[in-house]
Amino acid sequence: MNISQMYIAAAIVVLMILALLVCVFSKNRKATRLTPLASLAFGFILAGILFSDNQPIGYGLMGVGVLLAVVDIFRNRNKTI
């Protein structure tokens, strides 16, 4: 396992832990659907993982996905579900 694969594995573990914490400490336990922007962010992150052989493209796609996810979080933080 080379260093870039270790970074990817660590990022996936961190995302899984964050998702678990959100599920456990969520105030509203209703199932909600992903927003279109969150779905697009998820797609970019998956594409970044798939194209991890070419590091500039893979990391660029992951960066765009994370940026879109952060934008989606800030856009939806004041909305009540």
C-alpha atoms as a PDB file:
ATOM      1  CA  MET A   1       0.000   0.000   0.000  1.00  0.00           C
ATOM      2  CA  ASN A   2       1.615   3.243  -1.094  1.00  0.00           C
ATOM      3  CA  ILE A   3       1.278   6.629   0.590  1.00  0.00           C
ATOM      4  CA  SER A   4      -1.540   7.966  -1.615  1.00  0.00           C
ATOM      5  CA  GLN A   5      -3.659   4.896  -0.940  1.00  0.00           C
ATOM      6  CA  MET A   6      -3.082   5.391   2.777  1.00  0.00           C
ATOM      7  CA  TYR A   7      -4.301   8.994   2.497  1.00  0.00           C
ATOM      8  CA  ILE A   8      -7.405   7.846   0.643  1.00  0.00           C
ATOM      9  CA  ALA A   9      -8.087   5.142   3.220  1.00  0.00           C
ATOM     10  CA  ALA A  10      -7.651   7.667   6.037  1.00  0.00           C
ATOM     11  CA  ALA A  11     -10.029  10.112   4.324  1.00  0.00           C
ATOM     12  CA  ILE A  12     -12.664   7.402   3.917  1.00  0.00           C
ATOM     13  CA  VAL A  13     -12.344   6.403   7.583  1.00  0.00           C
ATOM     14  CA  VAL A  14     -12.681  10.036   8.699  1.00  0.00           C
ATOM     15  CA  LEU A  15     -15.779  10.505   6.504  1.00  0.00           C
ATOM     16  CA  MET A  16     -17.334   7.333   7.921  1.00  0.00           C
ATOM     17  CA  ILE A  17     -16.686   8.504  11.484  1.00  0.00           C
ATOM     18  CA  LEU A  18     -18.215  11.913  10.716  1.00  0.00           C
ATOM     19  CA  ALA A  19     -21.284  10.280   9.170  1.00  0.00           C
ATOM     20  CA  LEU A  20     -21.663   8.057  12.225  1.00  0.00           C
ATOM     21  CA  LEU A  21     -21.398  11.043  14.572  1.00  0.00           C
ATOM     22  CA  VAL A  22     -24.002  12.957  12.569  1.00  0.00           C
ATOM     23  CA  CYS A  23     -26.371   9.996  12.711  1.00  0.00           C
ATOM     24  CA  VAL A  24     -25.891   9.492  16.453  1.00  0.00           C
ATOM     25  CA  PHE A  25     -26.145  13.128  17.516  1.00  0.00           C
ATOM     26  CA  SER A  26     -28.754  14.262  15.012  1.00  0.00           C
ATOM     27  CA  LYS A  27     -31.627  16.176  16.610  1.00  0.00           C
ATOM     28  CA  ASN A  28     -34.048  15.313  13.858  1.00  0.00           C
ATOM     29  CA  ARG A  29     -33.875  11.603  13.058  1.00  0.00           C
ATOM     30  CA  LYS A  30     -36.120  11.743   9.991  1.00  0.00           C
ATOM     31  CA  ALA A  31     -34.580  10.366   6.844  1.00  0.00           C
ATOM     32  CA  THR A  32     -33.693  13.174   4.460  1.00  0.00           C
ATOM     33  CA  ARG A  33     -32.674  13.011   0.862  1.00  0.00           C
ATOM     34  CA  LEU A  34     -29.433  14.442  -0.437  1.00  0.00           C
ATOM     35  CA  THR A  35     -29.643  17.853  -2.010  1.00  0.00           C
ATOM     36  CA  PRO A  36     -28.569  18.068  -5.648  1.00  0.00           C
ATOM     37  CA  LEU A  37     -25.406  19.919  -4.623  1.00  0.00           C
ATOM     38  CA  ALA A  38     -24.527  17.254  -2.044  1.00  0.00           C
ATOM     39  CA  SER A  39     -25.105  14.537  -4.636  1.00  0.00           C
ATOM     40  CA  LEU A  40     -22.788  16.323  -7.040  1.00  0.00           C
ATOM     41  CA  ALA A  41     -20.159  16.652  -4.302  1.00  0.00           C
ATOM     42  CA  PHE A  42     -20.444  12.943  -3.530  1.00  0.00           C
ATOM     43  CA  GLY A  43     -20.004  12.150  -7.226  1.00  0.00           C
ATOM     44  CA  PHE A  44     -16.867  14.293  -7.451  1.00  0.00           C
ATOM     45  CA  ILE A  45     -15.372  12.590  -4.401  1.00  0.00           C
ATOM     46  CA  LEU A  46     -16.080   9.140  -5.829  1.00  0.00           C
ATOM     47  CA  ALA A  47     -14.599  10.176  -9.170  1.00  0.00           C
ATOM     48  CA  GLY A  48     -11.510  11.431  -7.340  1.00  0.00           C
ATOM     49  CA  ILE A  49     -11.132   8.048  -5.670  1.00  0.00           C
ATOM     50  CA  LEU A  50     -11.563   6.260  -8.989  1.00  0.00           C
ATOM     51  CA  PHE A  51      -8.993   8.481 -10.724  1.00  0.00           C
ATOM     52  CA  SER A  52      -6.487   8.316  -7.873  1.00  0.00           C
ATOM     53  CA  ASP A  53      -3.884   6.771 -10.200  1.00  0.00           C
ATOM     54  CA  ASN A  54      -3.436  10.186 -11.795  1.00  0.00           C
ATOM     55  CA  GLN A  55      -2.800  12.218  -8.659  1.00  0.00           C
ATOM     56  CA  PRO A  56      -3.441  15.780  -9.913  1.00  0.00           C
ATOM     57  CA  ILE A  57      -6.791  14.797 -11.403  1.00  0.00           C
ATOM     58  CA  GLY A  58      -7.805  12.578  -8.477  1.00  0.00           C
ATOM     59  CA  TYR A  59      -6.948  15.105  -5.787  1.00  0.00           C
ATOM     60  CA  GLY A  60      -8.466  17.918  -7.838  1.00  0.00           C
ATOM     61  CA  LEU A  61     -11.760  16.051  -8.136  1.00  0.00           C
ATOM     62  CA  MET A  62     -11.760  15.295  -4.418  1.00  0.00           C
ATOM     63  CA  GLY A  63     -11.032  18.933  -3.633  1.00  0.00           C
ATOM     64  CA  VAL A  64     -13.925  20.096  -5.794  1.00  0.00           C
ATOM     65  CA  GLY A  65     -16.185  17.569  -4.075  1.00  0.00           C
ATOM     66  CA  VAL A  66     -15.192  18.743  -0.604  1.00  0.00           C
ATOM     67  CA  LEU A  67     -15.633  22.379  -1.635  1.00  0.00           C
ATOM     68  CA  LEU A  68     -19.131  21.671  -2.976  1.00  0.00           C
ATOM     69  CA  ALA A  69     -20.021  19.793   0.211  1.00  0.00           C
ATOM     70  CA  VAL A  70     -18.905  22.737   2.353  1.00  0.00           C
ATOM     71  CA  VAL A  71     -20.919  25.148   0.201  1.00  0.00           C
ATOM     72  CA  ASP A  72     -23.953  22.891   0.587  1.00  0.00           C
ATOM     73  CA  ILE A  73     -23.485  22.783   4.369  1.00  0.00           C
ATOM     74  CA  PHE A  74     -23.350  26.578   4.596  1.00  0.00           C
ATOM     75  CA  ARG A  75     -26.369  26.991   2.316  1.00  0.00           C
ATOM     76  CA  ASN A  76     -28.494  24.566   4.336  1.00  0.00           C
ATOM     77  CA  ARG A  77     -27.368  25.284   7.897  1.00  0.00           C
ATOM     78  CA  ASN A  78     -30.151  27.771   8.687  1.00  0.00           C
ATOM     79  CA  LYS A  79     -32.933  25.822   6.983  1.00  0.00           C
ATOM     80  CA  THR A  80     -35.050  23.643   9.202  1.00  0.00           C
ATOM     81  CA  ILE A  81     -36.029  20.258   7.887  1.00  0.00           C
END
